[in-house]
C-alpha atoms as a PDB file:
ATOM      1  CA  MET A   1     104.382  78.421 106.935  1.00  0.00           C
ATOM      2  CA  ALA A   2     103.625  78.619 103.586  1.00  0.00           C
ATOM      3  CA  ASN A   3     102.031  82.413 104.067  1.00  0.00           C
ATOM      4  CA  ALA A   4     105.367  82.937 105.352  1.00  0.00           C
ATOM      5  CA  LYS A   5     107.358  81.854 101.898  1.00  0.00           C
ATOM      6  CA  GLU A   6     104.950  83.366  99.935  1.00  0.00           C
ATOM      7  CA  LEU A   7     105.228  87.032 101.780  1.00  0.00           C
ATOM      8  CA  SER A   8     108.708  86.445 101.836  1.00  0.00           C
ATOM      9  CA  GLU A   9     108.571  86.269  97.633  1.00  0.00           C
ATOM     10  CA  LYS A  10     106.340  89.136  97.455  1.00  0.00           C
ATOM     11  CA  MET A  11     108.927  91.089  99.581  1.00  0.00           C
ATOM     12  CA  LYS A  12     111.468  90.842  96.413  1.00  0.00           C
ATOM     13  CA  GLU A  13     109.279  93.501  95.068  1.00  0.00           C
ATOM     14  CA  TYR A  14     108.569  96.081  97.697  1.00  0.00           C
ATOM     15  CA  GLU A  15     109.990  99.394  98.209  1.00  0.00           C
ATOM     16  CA  LEU A  16     110.027 101.671 100.737  1.00  0.00           C
ATOM     17  CA  VAL A  17     111.103 105.230 100.432  1.00  0.00           C
ATOM     18  CA  PHE A  18     112.033 107.440 103.136  1.00  0.00           C
ATOM     19  CA  LYS A  19     112.650 111.469 102.815  1.00  0.00           C
ATOM     20  CA  ILE A  20     114.862 113.136 105.399  1.00  0.00           C
ATOM     21  CA  LYS A  21     116.543 116.293 105.653  1.00  0.00           C
ATOM     22  CA  ALA A  22     120.393 115.735 104.406  1.00  0.00           C
ATOM     23  CA  GLY A  23     122.856 118.784 104.231  1.00  0.00           C
ATOM     24  CA  ASP A  24     125.154 119.988 101.451  1.00  0.00           C
ATOM     25  CA  ASN A  25     127.677 117.433 102.414  1.00  0.00           C
ATOM     26  CA  GLY A  26     125.137 114.771 102.248  1.00  0.00           C
ATOM     27  CA  LYS A  27     125.379 114.450 106.520  1.00  0.00           C
ATOM     28  CA  THR A  28     121.484 113.625 107.422  1.00  0.00           C
ATOM     29  CA  PHE A  29     119.324 115.426 110.230  1.00  0.00           C
ATOM     30  CA  GLY A  30     117.791 112.089 111.656  1.00  0.00           C
ATOM     31  CA  SER A  31     117.506 108.582 110.622  1.00  0.00           C
ATOM     32  CA  VAL A  32     115.520 105.746 109.729  1.00  0.00           C
ATOM     33  CA  THR A  33     114.982 103.331 112.263  1.00  0.00           C
ATOM     34  CA  SER A  34     113.405  99.381 112.517  1.00  0.00           C
ATOM     35  CA  LYS A  35     110.402 100.989 113.951  1.00  0.00           C
ATOM     36  CA  ASP A  36     109.845 103.820 110.688  1.00  0.00           C
ATOM     37  CA  ILE A  37     110.066 100.498 108.300  1.00  0.00           C
ATOM     38  CA  ALA A  38     107.742  98.458 110.008  1.00  0.00           C
ATOM     39  CA  GLU A  39     105.377 101.364 110.173  1.00  0.00           C
ATOM     40  CA  GLN A  40     105.650 102.354 106.734  1.00  0.00           C
ATOM     41  CA  LEU A  41     105.665  98.431 105.717  1.00  0.00           C
ATOM     42  CA  ASN A  42     102.284  98.336 107.419  1.00  0.00           C
ATOM     43  CA  LYS A  43     100.529 101.502 105.717  1.00  0.00           C
ATOM     44  CA  LYS A  44     102.286 100.471 102.494  1.00  0.00           C
ATOM     45  CA  TYR A  45     101.653  97.148 101.819  1.00  0.00           C
ATOM     46  CA  PHE A  46      99.271  95.979 104.946  1.00  0.00           C
ATOM     47  CA  VAL A  47     102.049  94.021 106.278  1.00  0.00           C
ATOM     48  CA  GLU A  48     102.476  93.860 110.282  1.00  0.00           C
ATOM     49  CA  VAL A  49     106.168  92.491 111.703  1.00  0.00           C
ATOM     50  CA  ASP A  50     107.680  93.354 114.856  1.00  0.00           C
ATOM     51  CA  LYS A  51     110.498  95.665 114.343  1.00  0.00           C
ATOM     52  CA  LYS A  52     112.743  93.514 116.402  1.00  0.00           C
ATOM     53  CA  LYS A  53     112.146  90.859 113.574  1.00  0.00           C
ATOM     54  CA  ILE A  54     113.699  93.888 111.047  1.00  0.00           C
ATOM     55  CA  CYS A  55     117.419  92.813 110.698  1.00  0.00           C
ATOM     56  CA  LEU A  56     119.345  96.522 111.441  1.00  0.00           C
ATOM     57  CA  ASP A  57     121.815  96.994 113.109  1.00  0.00           C
ATOM     58  CA  ASP A  58     121.788 100.427 113.596  1.00  0.00           C
ATOM     59  CA  ALA A  59     119.854 103.263 112.644  1.00  0.00           C
ATOM     60  CA  ILE A  60     120.036 104.355 108.657  1.00  0.00           C
ATOM     61  CA  LYS A  61     121.761 107.695 108.536  1.00  0.00           C
ATOM     62  CA  THR A  62     123.136 108.278 105.019  1.00  0.00           C
ATOM     63  CA  LEU A  63     121.442 108.571 101.721  1.00  0.00           C
ATOM     64  CA  GLY A  64     121.386 105.313  99.568  1.00  0.00           C
ATOM     65  CA  VAL A  65     119.463 102.253  98.321  1.00  0.00           C
ATOM     66  CA  TYR A  66     119.307  99.176 101.189  1.00  0.00           C
ATOM     67  CA  ASN A  67     118.492  95.946 100.981  1.00  0.00           C
ATOM     68  CA  ILE A  68     117.037  95.023 104.590  1.00  0.00           C
ATOM     69  CA  GLU A  69     116.275  91.648 105.988  1.00  0.00           C
ATOM     70  CA  ILE A  70     112.916  90.785 108.285  1.00  0.00           C
ATOM     71  CA  LYS A  71     112.747  87.643 110.030  1.00  0.00           C
ATOM     72  CA  LEU A  72     109.219  86.317 108.905  1.00  0.00           C
ATOM     73  CA  PHE A  73     109.551  82.877 110.455  1.00  0.00           C
ATOM     74  CA  GLU A  74     112.221  80.468 111.659  1.00  0.00           C
ATOM     75  CA  GLY A  75     114.330  79.656 108.607  1.00  0.00           C
ATOM     76  CA  ILE A  76     112.183  82.432 106.559  1.00  0.00           C
ATOM     77  CA  SER A  77     113.486  85.669 105.304  1.00  0.00           C
ATOM     78  CA  GLY A  78     112.280  88.141 103.274  1.00  0.00           C
ATOM     79  CA  PHE A  79     114.226  91.258 101.863  1.00  0.00           C
ATOM     80  CA  ILE A  80     112.842  94.721 100.963  1.00  0.00           C
ATOM     81  CA  LYS A  81     114.376  97.676  99.032  1.00  0.00           C
ATOM     82  CA  VAL A  82     114.833 100.770 101.392  1.00  0.00           C
ATOM     83  CA  SER A  83     115.333 103.957  99.802  1.00  0.00           C
ATOM     84  CA  VAL A  84     116.719 107.051 101.565  1.00  0.00           C
ATOM     85  CA  ILE A  85     116.732 110.185  99.732  1.00  0.00           C
ATOM     86  CA  ALA A  86     117.061 114.043 100.776  1.00  0.00           C
ATOM     87  CA  GLU A  87     114.069 115.935 101.410  1.00  0.00           C
END
């Protein structure tokens, strides 16, 4: 549990950047899913989380910056910044 609190603090510094194809009107071709976020989190920061613990109602289909909640332990959540930019 102490590790979860520590990790939630560290996560405030984390940022994941996803490049996806987008048309001139800002419409994206593709999306960012909780699975994509879990994989990048593991690759970049060596943090393994179950994709089901990532609070994402639906896949991200628009460009922008998102603050995504990740449930680490009962009552403990961390937030990471996810930027979705045009490729």
